[in-house]
């Protein structure tokens, strides 16, 4: 029964962290659970390193949420951001294809 509670609380910690963190993370149910579990590990070991927890003492629910937020922040720093380019440009900055021009030619006045 402990594993069920671990999964439920990990999902809640991961879901709260995803709700608090700005932006959209494309994570499913399983990844949210893993985020909560990893957040708990980060909070436990980080808290021991900062002398907030004794060795062997686990982080609480709020610590797990904070640890998951730290992981989301680090993930945002590491993952490549999408680069928006023009459909007429290629990697070297050169252009190809039809270039957008000034528009249709002016009609002569009658």
N, C-alpha and C. Protein backbone atom coordinates (compact mmCIF):
# COMPACT_ATOMS: atom_id res chain seq x y z
N UNK A 1 0.82 -1.19 0.00
CA UNK A 1 0.00 0.00 0.00
C UNK A 1 0.86 1.26 0.00
N UNK A 2 2.10 1.13 0.50
CA UNK A 2 2.99 2.30 0.52
C UNK A 2 3.33 2.78 -0.88
N UNK A 3 3.48 1.85 -1.81
CA UNK A 3 3.83 2.24 -3.18
C UNK A 3 2.70 3.03 -3.82
N UNK A 4 1.46 2.70 -3.49
CA UNK A 4 0.31 3.44 -4.03
C UNK A 4 0.32 4.88 -3.51
N UNK A 5 0.59 5.04 -2.22
CA UNK A 5 0.65 6.39 -1.65
C UNK A 5 1.83 7.17 -2.23
N UNK A 6 2.92 6.50 -2.47
CA UNK A 6 4.08 7.16 -3.09
C UNK A 6 3.72 7.67 -4.48
N UNK A 7 3.02 6.86 -5.25
CA UNK A 7 2.63 7.27 -6.60
C UNK A 7 1.63 8.42 -6.56
N UNK A 8 0.66 8.33 -5.67
CA UNK A 8 -0.36 9.38 -5.58
C UNK A 8 0.26 10.71 -5.13
N UNK A 9 1.08 10.67 -4.09
CA UNK A 9 1.69 11.90 -3.60
C UNK A 9 2.72 12.46 -4.59
N UNK A 10 3.42 11.59 -5.29
CA UNK A 10 4.36 12.05 -6.31
C UNK A 10 3.63 12.72 -7.46
N UNK A 11 2.50 12.14 -7.86
CA UNK A 11 1.70 12.76 -8.92
C UNK A 11 1.21 14.14 -8.48
N UNK A 12 0.73 14.24 -7.24
CA UNK A 12 0.24 15.54 -6.75
C UNK A 12 1.37 16.56 -6.67
N UNK A 13 2.54 16.15 -6.19
CA UNK A 13 3.67 17.07 -6.10
C UNK A 13 4.09 17.53 -7.50
N UNK A 14 4.17 16.60 -8.45
CA UNK A 14 4.53 16.96 -9.82
C UNK A 14 3.48 17.84 -10.48
N UNK A 15 2.21 17.54 -10.24
CA UNK A 15 1.13 18.34 -10.84
C UNK A 15 1.12 19.75 -10.28
N UNK A 16 1.33 19.90 -8.98
CA UNK A 16 1.36 21.24 -8.38
C UNK A 16 2.55 22.02 -8.91
N UNK A 17 3.71 21.35 -9.04
CA UNK A 17 4.89 22.04 -9.57
C UNK A 17 4.66 22.48 -11.02
N UNK A 18 4.03 21.62 -11.83
CA UNK A 18 3.73 21.99 -13.21
C UNK A 18 2.73 23.14 -13.27
N UNK A 19 1.80 23.20 -12.30
CA UNK A 19 0.82 24.28 -12.26
C UNK A 19 1.48 25.60 -11.88
N UNK A 20 2.43 25.55 -10.95
CA UNK A 20 3.10 26.77 -10.48
C UNK A 20 4.09 27.29 -11.51
N UNK A 21 4.83 26.39 -12.16
CA UNK A 21 5.89 26.79 -13.08
C UNK A 21 5.28 27.37 -14.35
N UNK A 22 5.75 28.55 -14.79
CA UNK A 22 5.17 29.14 -16.00
C UNK A 22 5.59 28.39 -17.26
N UNK A 23 4.73 28.42 -18.24
CA UNK A 23 5.01 27.75 -19.49
C UNK A 23 4.31 26.40 -19.56
N UNK A 24 4.44 25.76 -20.69
CA UNK A 24 3.79 24.47 -20.90
C UNK A 24 4.83 23.38 -20.99
N UNK A 25 4.68 22.38 -20.14
CA UNK A 25 5.54 21.21 -20.19
C UNK A 25 4.69 20.07 -20.75
N UNK A 26 5.14 19.48 -21.80
CA UNK A 26 4.41 18.37 -22.41
C UNK A 26 4.79 17.08 -21.71
N UNK A 27 4.22 16.87 -20.54
CA UNK A 27 4.48 15.67 -19.76
C UNK A 27 3.17 14.94 -19.54
N UNK A 28 3.23 13.66 -19.67
CA UNK A 28 2.06 12.84 -19.42
C UNK A 28 1.96 12.45 -17.96
N UNK A 29 1.08 11.51 -17.69
CA UNK A 29 0.82 11.06 -16.32
C UNK A 29 2.06 10.44 -15.69
N UNK A 30 2.72 9.55 -16.41
CA UNK A 30 3.89 8.86 -15.86
C UNK A 30 5.04 9.83 -15.62
N UNK A 31 5.27 10.75 -16.56
CA UNK A 31 6.35 11.72 -16.39
C UNK A 31 6.08 12.66 -15.22
N UNK A 32 4.81 12.98 -14.97
CA UNK A 32 4.47 13.82 -13.83
C UNK A 32 4.77 13.08 -12.52
N UNK A 33 4.48 11.78 -12.48
CA UNK A 33 4.81 10.98 -11.30
C UNK A 33 6.32 10.94 -11.10
N UNK A 34 7.06 10.71 -12.19
CA UNK A 34 8.52 10.67 -12.08
C UNK A 34 9.09 12.03 -11.68
N UNK A 35 8.46 13.11 -12.12
CA UNK A 35 8.88 14.45 -11.71
C UNK A 35 8.71 14.62 -10.21
N UNK A 36 7.59 14.16 -9.66
CA UNK A 36 7.37 14.25 -8.23
C UNK A 36 8.35 13.41 -7.43
N UNK A 37 8.65 12.20 -7.91
CA UNK A 37 9.61 11.33 -7.22
C UNK A 37 11.01 11.96 -7.26
N UNK A 38 11.41 12.43 -8.44
CA UNK A 38 12.72 13.07 -8.55
C UNK A 38 12.78 14.34 -7.73
N UNK A 39 11.68 15.09 -7.67
CA UNK A 39 11.63 16.28 -6.83
C UNK A 39 11.83 15.96 -5.37
N UNK A 40 11.30 14.83 -4.94
CA UNK A 40 11.49 14.40 -3.56
C UNK A 40 12.96 14.07 -3.29
N UNK A 41 13.60 13.40 -4.25
CA UNK A 41 15.03 13.10 -4.09
C UNK A 41 15.86 14.39 -4.05
N UNK A 42 15.56 15.32 -4.95
CA UNK A 42 16.29 16.59 -4.98
C UNK A 42 16.10 17.34 -3.66
N UNK A 43 14.87 17.36 -3.16
CA UNK A 43 14.61 18.06 -1.91
C UNK A 43 15.29 17.38 -0.73
N UNK A 44 15.27 16.06 -0.70
CA UNK A 44 15.90 15.33 0.41
C UNK A 44 17.41 15.55 0.44
N UNK A 45 18.07 15.32 -0.70
CA UNK A 45 19.52 15.46 -0.73
C UNK A 45 19.96 16.92 -0.68
N UNK A 46 19.20 17.79 -1.33
CA UNK A 46 19.51 19.22 -1.24
C UNK A 46 19.31 19.75 0.17
N UNK A 47 18.27 19.28 0.85
CA UNK A 47 18.04 19.69 2.24
C UNK A 47 19.12 19.16 3.17
N UNK A 48 19.61 17.97 2.91
CA UNK A 48 20.72 17.44 3.72
C UNK A 48 22.00 18.23 3.46
N UNK A 49 22.21 18.61 2.21
CA UNK A 49 23.39 19.40 1.87
C UNK A 49 23.33 20.78 2.52
N UNK A 50 22.13 21.36 2.59
CA UNK A 50 21.95 22.68 3.22
C UNK A 50 21.75 22.58 4.73
N UNK A 51 21.85 21.38 5.26
CA UNK A 51 21.69 21.11 6.69
C UNK A 51 20.27 21.41 7.20
N UNK A 52 19.29 21.27 6.30
CA UNK A 52 17.89 21.41 6.70
C UNK A 52 17.32 20.10 7.21
N UNK A 53 17.84 18.99 6.69
CA UNK A 53 17.41 17.66 7.09
C UNK A 53 18.59 16.88 7.63
N UNK A 54 18.31 15.97 8.53
CA UNK A 54 19.33 15.07 9.05
C UNK A 54 19.56 13.95 8.03
N UNK A 55 20.73 13.31 8.05
CA UNK A 55 20.94 12.17 7.14
C UNK A 55 19.90 11.09 7.38
N UNK A 56 19.30 10.61 6.30
CA UNK A 56 18.26 9.60 6.39
C UNK A 56 16.86 10.17 6.51
N UNK A 57 16.75 11.46 6.74
CA UNK A 57 15.44 12.10 6.86
C UNK A 57 14.94 12.51 5.47
N UNK A 58 13.72 12.18 5.16
CA UNK A 58 13.14 12.49 3.85
C UNK A 58 12.46 13.86 3.87
N UNK A 59 12.37 14.45 2.70
CA UNK A 59 11.68 15.73 2.56
C UNK A 59 10.18 15.51 2.63
N UNK A 60 9.47 16.52 3.03
CA UNK A 60 8.01 16.45 3.09
C UNK A 60 7.39 16.78 1.74
N UNK A 61 6.07 16.94 1.76
CA UNK A 61 5.34 17.19 0.52
C UNK A 61 5.74 18.54 -0.09
N UNK A 62 5.85 19.58 0.73
CA UNK A 62 6.20 20.90 0.21
C UNK A 62 7.63 20.87 -0.34
N UNK A 63 8.51 20.15 0.33
CA UNK A 63 9.87 20.00 -0.17
C UNK A 63 9.90 19.28 -1.51
N UNK A 64 9.02 18.30 -1.69
CA UNK A 64 8.95 17.59 -2.96
C UNK A 64 8.48 18.52 -4.08
N UNK A 65 7.53 19.39 -3.78
CA UNK A 65 7.06 20.36 -4.78
C UNK A 65 8.18 21.32 -5.14
N UNK A 66 8.91 21.80 -4.13
CA UNK A 66 10.03 22.72 -4.39
C UNK A 66 11.12 22.01 -5.20
N UNK A 67 11.41 20.76 -4.87
CA UNK A 67 12.39 20.00 -5.64
C UNK A 67 11.95 19.81 -7.08
N UNK A 68 10.67 19.55 -7.30
CA UNK A 68 10.16 19.41 -8.66
C UNK A 68 10.24 20.74 -9.42
N UNK A 69 10.00 21.86 -8.72
CA UNK A 69 10.15 23.17 -9.35
C UNK A 69 11.59 23.42 -9.77
N UNK A 70 12.54 23.01 -8.93
CA UNK A 70 13.95 23.15 -9.28
C UNK A 70 14.26 22.34 -10.52
N UNK A 71 13.75 21.11 -10.59
CA UNK A 71 13.98 20.27 -11.76
C UNK A 71 13.36 20.88 -13.02
N UNK A 72 12.17 21.45 -12.91
CA UNK A 72 11.55 22.09 -14.08
C UNK A 72 12.36 23.29 -14.54
N UNK A 73 12.91 24.03 -13.58
CA UNK A 73 13.75 25.18 -13.92
C UNK A 73 15.01 24.74 -14.66
N UNK A 74 15.67 23.71 -14.14
CA UNK A 74 16.88 23.20 -14.79
C UNK A 74 16.54 22.63 -16.17
N UNK A 75 15.41 21.95 -16.28
CA UNK A 75 14.98 21.41 -17.57
C UNK A 75 14.75 22.54 -18.58
N UNK A 76 14.18 23.65 -18.11
CA UNK A 76 13.97 24.79 -18.99
C UNK A 76 15.27 25.42 -19.46
N UNK A 77 16.31 25.35 -18.63
CA UNK A 77 17.61 25.89 -19.03
C UNK A 77 18.32 24.98 -20.04
N UNK A 78 18.11 23.68 -19.91
CA UNK A 78 18.83 22.72 -20.74
C UNK A 78 18.18 22.49 -22.09
N UNK A 79 16.85 22.39 -22.10
CA UNK A 79 16.19 22.02 -23.36
C UNK A 79 16.33 23.14 -24.38
N UNK A 80 16.54 22.78 -25.65
CA UNK A 80 16.71 23.81 -26.68
C UNK A 80 15.39 24.52 -26.94
N UNK A 81 15.47 25.82 -27.09
CA UNK A 81 14.27 26.58 -27.39
C UNK A 81 14.03 26.56 -28.89
N UNK A 82 12.77 26.56 -29.29
CA UNK A 82 12.48 26.56 -30.73
C UNK A 82 12.89 27.89 -31.35
N UNK A 83 13.54 27.82 -32.51
CA UNK A 83 13.99 29.01 -33.21
C UNK A 83 13.00 29.29 -34.33
N UNK A 84 12.47 30.47 -34.32
CA UNK A 84 11.52 30.84 -35.36
C UNK A 84 12.28 31.47 -36.51
N UNK A 85 12.09 30.92 -37.68
CA UNK A 85 12.76 31.45 -38.86
C UNK A 85 11.72 31.71 -39.94
N UNK A 86 12.14 32.48 -40.89
CA UNK A 86 11.29 32.76 -42.03
C UNK A 86 11.25 31.53 -42.93
N UNK A 87 10.15 31.27 -43.60
CA UNK A 87 10.11 30.12 -44.51
C UNK A 87 11.03 30.31 -45.71
N UNK A 88 11.55 31.52 -45.92
CA UNK A 88 12.41 31.80 -47.06
C UNK A 88 13.89 31.75 -46.69
N UNK A 89 14.22 31.48 -45.44
CA UNK A 89 15.63 31.47 -45.05
C UNK A 89 16.10 30.04 -44.81
N UNK A 90 17.42 29.86 -44.95
CA UNK A 90 18.05 28.57 -44.68
C UNK A 90 19.06 28.78 -43.58
N UNK A 91 19.77 27.74 -43.20
CA UNK A 91 20.64 27.79 -42.03
C UNK A 91 21.72 28.86 -42.13
N UNK A 92 22.31 29.07 -43.27
CA UNK A 92 23.41 30.03 -43.40
C UNK A 92 22.96 31.47 -43.51
N UNK A 93 21.70 31.75 -43.40
CA UNK A 93 21.21 33.10 -43.53
C UNK A 93 20.90 33.48 -44.97
N UNK A 94 21.24 32.59 -45.90
CA UNK A 94 20.93 32.85 -47.29
C UNK A 94 19.44 32.66 -47.51
N UNK A 95 18.95 33.23 -48.57
CA UNK A 95 17.53 33.05 -48.86
C UNK A 95 17.38 32.16 -50.07
N UNK A 96 16.25 31.55 -50.16
CA UNK A 96 15.96 30.68 -51.30
C UNK A 96 14.49 30.86 -51.65
N UNK A 97 14.15 30.47 -52.84
CA UNK A 97 12.76 30.55 -53.24
C UNK A 97 12.33 31.97 -53.55
N UNK A 98 11.04 32.14 -53.57
CA UNK A 98 10.46 33.44 -53.91
C UNK A 98 10.61 34.39 -52.73
N UNK A 99 11.12 35.56 -53.03
CA UNK A 99 11.27 36.58 -52.00
C UNK A 99 10.02 37.46 -51.98
N UNK A 100 9.60 37.85 -50.82
CA UNK A 100 8.46 38.78 -50.80
C UNK A 100 8.88 40.11 -51.38
N UNK A 101 8.17 40.56 -52.38
CA UNK A 101 8.51 41.79 -53.08
C UNK A 101 7.70 42.98 -52.57
N UNK A 102 7.84 44.10 -53.25
CA UNK A 102 7.12 45.31 -52.81
C UNK A 102 5.63 45.25 -53.13
N UNK A 103 5.17 44.28 -53.86
CA UNK A 103 3.76 44.19 -54.17
C UNK A 103 3.53 44.28 -55.67
N UNK A 104 2.27 44.30 -56.08
CA UNK A 104 2.00 44.37 -57.52
C UNK A 104 2.40 45.73 -58.09
N UNK A 105 2.70 45.81 -59.39
CA UNK A 105 3.08 47.09 -59.97
C UNK A 105 1.91 48.09 -59.92
N UNK A 106 2.29 49.32 -59.86
CA UNK A 106 1.27 50.38 -59.78
C UNK A 106 0.54 50.50 -61.11
N UNK A 107 -0.75 50.73 -61.05
CA UNK A 107 -1.53 50.90 -62.28
C UNK A 107 -1.40 52.35 -62.75
N UNK A 108 -1.26 52.54 -64.06
CA UNK A 108 -1.16 53.92 -64.56
C UNK A 108 -2.49 54.65 -64.38
N UNK A 109 -2.37 55.94 -64.13
CA UNK A 109 -3.57 56.77 -63.93
C UNK A 109 -4.24 57.02 -65.28
N UNK A 110 -5.55 57.09 -65.36
CA UNK A 110 -6.26 57.36 -66.60
C UNK A 110 -6.59 58.80 -66.74
